[in-house]
Protein backbone atom coordinates (compact mmCIF):
# COMPACT_ATOMS: atom_id res chain seq x y z
CA MET A 1 -12.05 -21.96 14.25
CA ASP A 2 -12.85 -20.22 10.99
CA ASN A 3 -10.97 -17.73 9.13
CA TRP A 4 -12.76 -14.79 10.46
CA ALA A 5 -12.06 -15.92 13.98
CA ILE A 6 -8.48 -16.42 13.35
CA PHE A 7 -8.31 -13.03 11.97
CA GLN A 8 -9.98 -11.39 15.09
CA SER A 9 -7.79 -13.22 17.21
CA ARG A 10 -4.68 -11.94 15.26
CA ILE A 11 -5.72 -8.37 15.54
CA GLY A 12 -6.82 -8.63 19.19
CA VAL A 13 -10.42 -7.34 18.29
CA THR A 14 -13.69 -9.40 18.39
CA PHE A 15 -16.44 -7.91 16.54
CA ARG A 16 -19.98 -7.78 18.02
CA ASP A 17 -21.35 -7.51 14.14
CA GLN A 18 -19.48 -9.87 12.27
CA SER A 19 -21.03 -8.59 9.05
CA LEU A 20 -19.46 -5.12 9.59
CA LEU A 21 -16.02 -6.69 9.79
CA GLN A 22 -16.72 -8.62 6.58
CA GLN A 23 -17.98 -5.58 4.86
CA ALA A 24 -14.56 -3.89 5.38
CA PHE A 25 -13.06 -6.27 2.94
CA VAL A 26 -15.71 -6.01 0.07
CA HIS A 27 -14.23 -4.41 -2.90
CA ARG A 28 -16.40 -2.64 -5.45
CA SER A 29 -15.40 -5.25 -8.15
CA HIS A 30 -17.04 -8.14 -6.24
CA LEU A 31 -20.31 -6.44 -6.26
CA ASN A 32 -20.06 -5.63 -9.94
CA GLU A 33 -19.99 -9.42 -10.58
CA ASN A 34 -22.27 -10.50 -7.67
CA SER A 35 -25.35 -8.34 -7.58
CA ASP A 36 -27.11 -10.43 -5.01
CA PHE A 37 -24.11 -10.03 -2.40
CA PRO A 38 -25.65 -9.19 0.86
CA LEU A 39 -23.13 -6.58 1.91
CA SER A 40 -22.23 -3.13 0.50
CA SER A 41 -18.81 -2.26 -0.55
CA ASN A 42 -16.08 -1.04 1.88
CA GLU A 43 -16.06 2.50 0.43
CA ARG A 44 -18.15 4.21 3.19
CA LEU A 45 -16.12 2.41 5.91
CA GLU A 46 -13.02 3.52 4.13
CA PHE A 47 -14.11 7.17 4.12
CA LEU A 48 -14.82 6.93 8.09
CA GLY A 49 -11.45 5.10 8.83
CA ASP A 50 -9.48 7.72 6.83
CA ALA A 51 -10.99 10.49 8.84
CA LEU A 52 -10.47 8.45 12.06
CA LEU A 53 -6.99 7.82 11.33
CA GLY A 54 -5.96 11.28 10.63
CA PHE A 55 -7.69 12.48 13.95
CA VAL A 56 -6.05 9.87 15.96
CA VAL A 57 -2.64 10.49 14.65
CA ALA A 58 -3.10 14.41 14.82
CA GLU A 59 -4.19 14.08 18.39
CA ALA A 60 -1.24 11.73 19.25
CA LEU A 61 1.12 14.43 17.59
CA TYR A 62 -0.40 17.24 19.57
CA ASP A 63 -0.04 15.58 22.84
CA GLN A 64 3.73 14.74 22.36
CA PRO A 65 5.88 16.28 25.03
CA GLU A 66 8.08 17.76 22.17
CA ALA A 67 6.01 20.82 21.20
CA LEU A 68 5.60 20.42 17.47
CA ASN A 69 4.26 23.45 15.41
CA GLU A 70 1.70 23.12 12.87
CA GLY A 71 3.81 22.69 9.96
CA GLU A 72 5.81 19.74 11.63
CA MET A 73 2.55 18.11 12.65
CA THR A 74 1.10 18.43 9.14
CA LYS A 75 4.33 16.95 7.50
CA LEU A 76 4.59 13.94 9.84
CA ARG A 77 0.79 13.20 9.88
CA ALA A 78 0.88 13.18 6.08
CA THR A 79 3.81 10.78 5.99
CA LEU A 80 2.25 8.47 8.81
CA VAL A 81 -0.93 8.07 6.96
CA SER A 82 0.37 8.15 3.30
CA LYS A 83 -1.12 5.21 1.03
CA ASP A 84 2.49 3.53 0.92
CA SER A 85 2.62 3.25 4.73
CA LEU A 86 -0.94 2.14 5.10
CA ALA A 87 -0.39 -0.55 2.48
CA ALA A 88 2.77 -1.85 4.19
CA VAL A 89 0.75 -2.14 7.53
CA ALA A 90 -2.13 -3.73 5.75
CA TYR A 91 0.18 -6.22 3.87
CA SER A 92 1.80 -7.26 7.31
CA LEU A 93 -1.67 -7.90 8.72
CA CYS A 94 -2.29 -10.17 5.65
CA LEU A 95 -5.31 -8.09 4.93
CA GLY A 96 -5.34 -9.20 1.22
CA ASP A 97 -6.24 -12.81 2.08
CA TYR A 98 -9.68 -11.63 3.21
CA LEU A 99 -10.75 -9.44 0.35
CA TYR A 100 -13.90 -10.18 -1.61
CA LEU A 101 -12.78 -9.30 -5.14
CA GLY A 102 -14.45 -9.84 -8.54
CA GLN A 103 -12.57 -12.34 -10.92
CA GLY A 104 -11.01 -9.75 -13.17
CA GLU A 105 -9.55 -7.87 -9.97
CA GLU A 106 -8.50 -11.30 -8.57
CA LYS A 107 -6.55 -12.11 -11.86
CA SER A 108 -5.00 -8.72 -12.22
CA GLY A 109 -3.15 -9.15 -8.44
CA GLY A 110 -5.74 -7.01 -6.62
CA ARG A 111 -4.91 -8.76 -3.26
CA GLU A 112 -1.22 -7.28 -3.60
CA LYS A 113 -2.25 -3.70 -4.99
CA SER A 114 -1.01 -1.01 -2.58
CA ARG A 115 -4.05 1.37 -2.87
CA THR A 116 -6.52 -1.58 -2.30
CA LEU A 117 -4.77 -2.68 0.69
CA ALA A 118 -4.65 0.66 2.12
CA CYS A 119 -8.33 1.26 1.53
CA ALA A 120 -9.01 -2.03 3.12
CA LEU A 121 -7.08 -1.04 6.38
CA GLU A 122 -8.81 2.22 6.51
CA ALA A 123 -12.23 0.44 6.11
CA LEU A 124 -11.27 -1.98 8.93
CA LEU A 125 -10.61 1.20 11.20
CA GLY A 126 -13.85 2.49 10.38
CA ALA A 127 -15.54 -0.74 11.16
CA ILE A 128 -13.56 -1.16 14.62
CA PHE A 129 -14.85 2.29 15.33
CA LEU A 130 -18.47 1.84 14.58
CA ASP A 131 -18.50 -1.73 16.35
CA GLN A 132 -16.29 -1.07 19.37
CA GLY A 133 -16.05 2.57 19.89
CA LEU A 134 -13.28 5.27 19.85
CA SER A 135 -11.30 4.04 22.76
CA VAL A 136 -10.68 0.60 21.16
CA ALA A 137 -10.13 1.96 17.60
CA ARG A 138 -7.61 4.57 19.08
CA ASP A 139 -5.90 1.66 20.83
CA PHE A 140 -5.67 -0.38 17.79
CA ILE A 141 -4.28 2.46 15.82
CA TRP A 142 -1.51 2.89 18.47
CA ARG A 143 -0.62 -0.65 18.18
CA LEU A 144 -0.15 -0.27 14.43
CA PHE A 145 1.41 3.27 14.22
CA GLY A 146 2.76 3.59 17.74
CA ASP A 147 6.44 2.92 16.85
CA ASP A 148 6.50 4.86 13.71
CA LEU A 149 4.90 7.75 15.61
CA HIS A 150 7.48 7.87 18.36
CA GLU A 151 10.30 7.57 15.66
CA ALA A 152 8.66 10.40 13.69
CA VAL A 153 8.71 12.71 16.80
CA ARG A 154 12.32 11.79 17.85
CA PHE A 155 13.94 12.14 14.26
CA GLY A 156 11.48 14.74 12.66
CA ILE A 157 10.95 12.20 9.87
CA VAL A 158 9.62 8.89 9.43
CA VAL A 159 12.42 6.53 8.74
CA ASP A 160 10.06 3.89 7.23
CA HIS A 161 12.35 0.98 6.21
CA LYS A 162 9.32 -1.32 5.32
CA THR A 163 8.11 1.15 2.81
CA ARG A 164 11.39 1.78 1.33
CA LEU A 165 12.04 -1.95 0.91
CA GLN A 166 8.65 -2.44 -0.61
CA GLU A 167 9.51 0.23 -3.12
CA MET A 168 12.87 -1.27 -4.03
CA VAL A 169 11.80 -4.89 -4.63
CA GLN A 170 8.72 -3.46 -6.55
CA ALA A 171 11.01 -1.57 -8.82
CA GLU A 172 12.65 -4.91 -9.57
CA GLN A 173 9.15 -6.58 -10.12
CA LYS A 174 9.65 -8.96 -7.50
CA GLY A 175 6.23 -8.53 -5.76
CA LEU A 176 5.77 -7.47 -2.15
CA PRO A 177 7.73 -8.56 0.87
CA PHE A 178 6.25 -11.12 3.14
CA TYR A 179 7.06 -10.84 6.88
CA ARG A 180 7.00 -14.07 9.13
CA VAL A 181 7.72 -14.50 12.73
CA VAL A 182 10.38 -17.25 13.34
CA ASP A 183 10.82 -16.98 17.03
CA ILE A 184 9.44 -15.45 20.12
CA ALA A 185 11.74 -15.62 23.34
CA GLY A 186 11.51 -14.32 26.80
CA PRO A 187 8.77 -13.77 29.41
CA ASN A 188 5.41 -12.44 28.69
CA HIS A 189 6.54 -9.05 30.05
CA ASP A 190 9.57 -8.83 28.11
CA LYS A 191 9.12 -10.84 24.59
CA VAL A 192 11.75 -10.63 21.74
CA PHE A 193 10.37 -11.24 18.35
CA THR A 194 12.57 -12.49 15.64
CA VAL A 195 11.30 -11.96 12.10
CA GLU A 196 12.43 -12.80 8.45
CA VAL A 197 11.50 -10.89 5.39
CA VAL A 198 10.86 -12.97 2.36
CA VAL A 199 10.90 -12.00 -1.43
CA SER A 200 10.17 -14.30 -4.14
CA GLY A 201 10.49 -17.20 -1.95
CA GLY A 202 13.94 -16.34 -0.47
CA VAL A 203 14.96 -14.87 2.95
CA ILE A 204 16.71 -11.51 2.41
CA GLY A 205 16.61 -10.10 5.81
CA LYS A 206 16.19 -11.09 9.51
CA GLY A 207 15.57 -8.75 12.46
CA SER A 208 14.38 -8.61 16.14
CA GLY A 209 12.54 -6.37 18.41
CA LYS A 210 10.34 -5.98 21.36
CA SER A 211 7.24 -6.10 19.40
CA LYS A 212 6.16 -7.85 15.87
CA GLN A 213 6.31 -4.36 14.17
CA ALA A 214 9.57 -3.49 15.50
CA ALA A 215 11.20 -6.86 14.43
CA GLU A 216 9.80 -6.29 11.02
CA LYS A 217 11.33 -3.00 10.62
CA ASP A 218 14.58 -4.29 11.82
CA ALA A 219 14.36 -6.91 9.20
CA ALA A 220 13.40 -4.56 6.47
CA ARG A 221 16.58 -2.54 7.51
CA MET A 222 18.70 -5.47 7.16
CA ALA A 223 17.26 -6.40 3.77
CA ILE A 224 17.82 -2.88 2.49
CA GLY A 225 21.62 -2.99 3.51
CA LYS A 226 21.97 -6.38 1.88
CA LEU A 227 20.25 -5.23 -1.44
CA LEU A 228 22.49 -2.05 -1.48
CA GLY A 229 25.51 -4.20 -0.83
């Protein structure tokens, strides 16, 4: 199984047009150094994915049983789709591993730059929409952001432990947190995921939850507590 097949298996989406998937990861710097590369940059897909994400999140906020006013929905949407939030999700999906980068961008740490990762995620959403349609794209967005959305509506804010942890470790110049699943227990209909969060090669937090995303958040919350003493 090649790397793209593994990636599609991981995200639960199989593309009809494989070139569209790969285009979502083409950074402009790669084209600047490889003029004969057969694919365009991901910037147009990013534009489409950004609009799609804003629409799906707005739709979801509007449909919540708790009647939110315009100001509340605007604030929550802005937080949910911020570049920092997108970068954290992109990092958890290992999107940086698949980027086509120029040599200069590679050497400058482009695979871990928050903006580059966030743009790649938006481009991926745009590619999924074009290849699979709105229904599949909406379901994929829900899988990525559903937990944050419910938390946002319940508490009125997004308690984003993963983003907060990322900001804390980057302030200490320790790179980005890495999340890894260390255990999956229980039957298929009631699984419990256990995740460790690693920074600079060391485990700084461990958490569990009914989904990988929930376990990652719990691990980040525990790591923040540890870092704060």
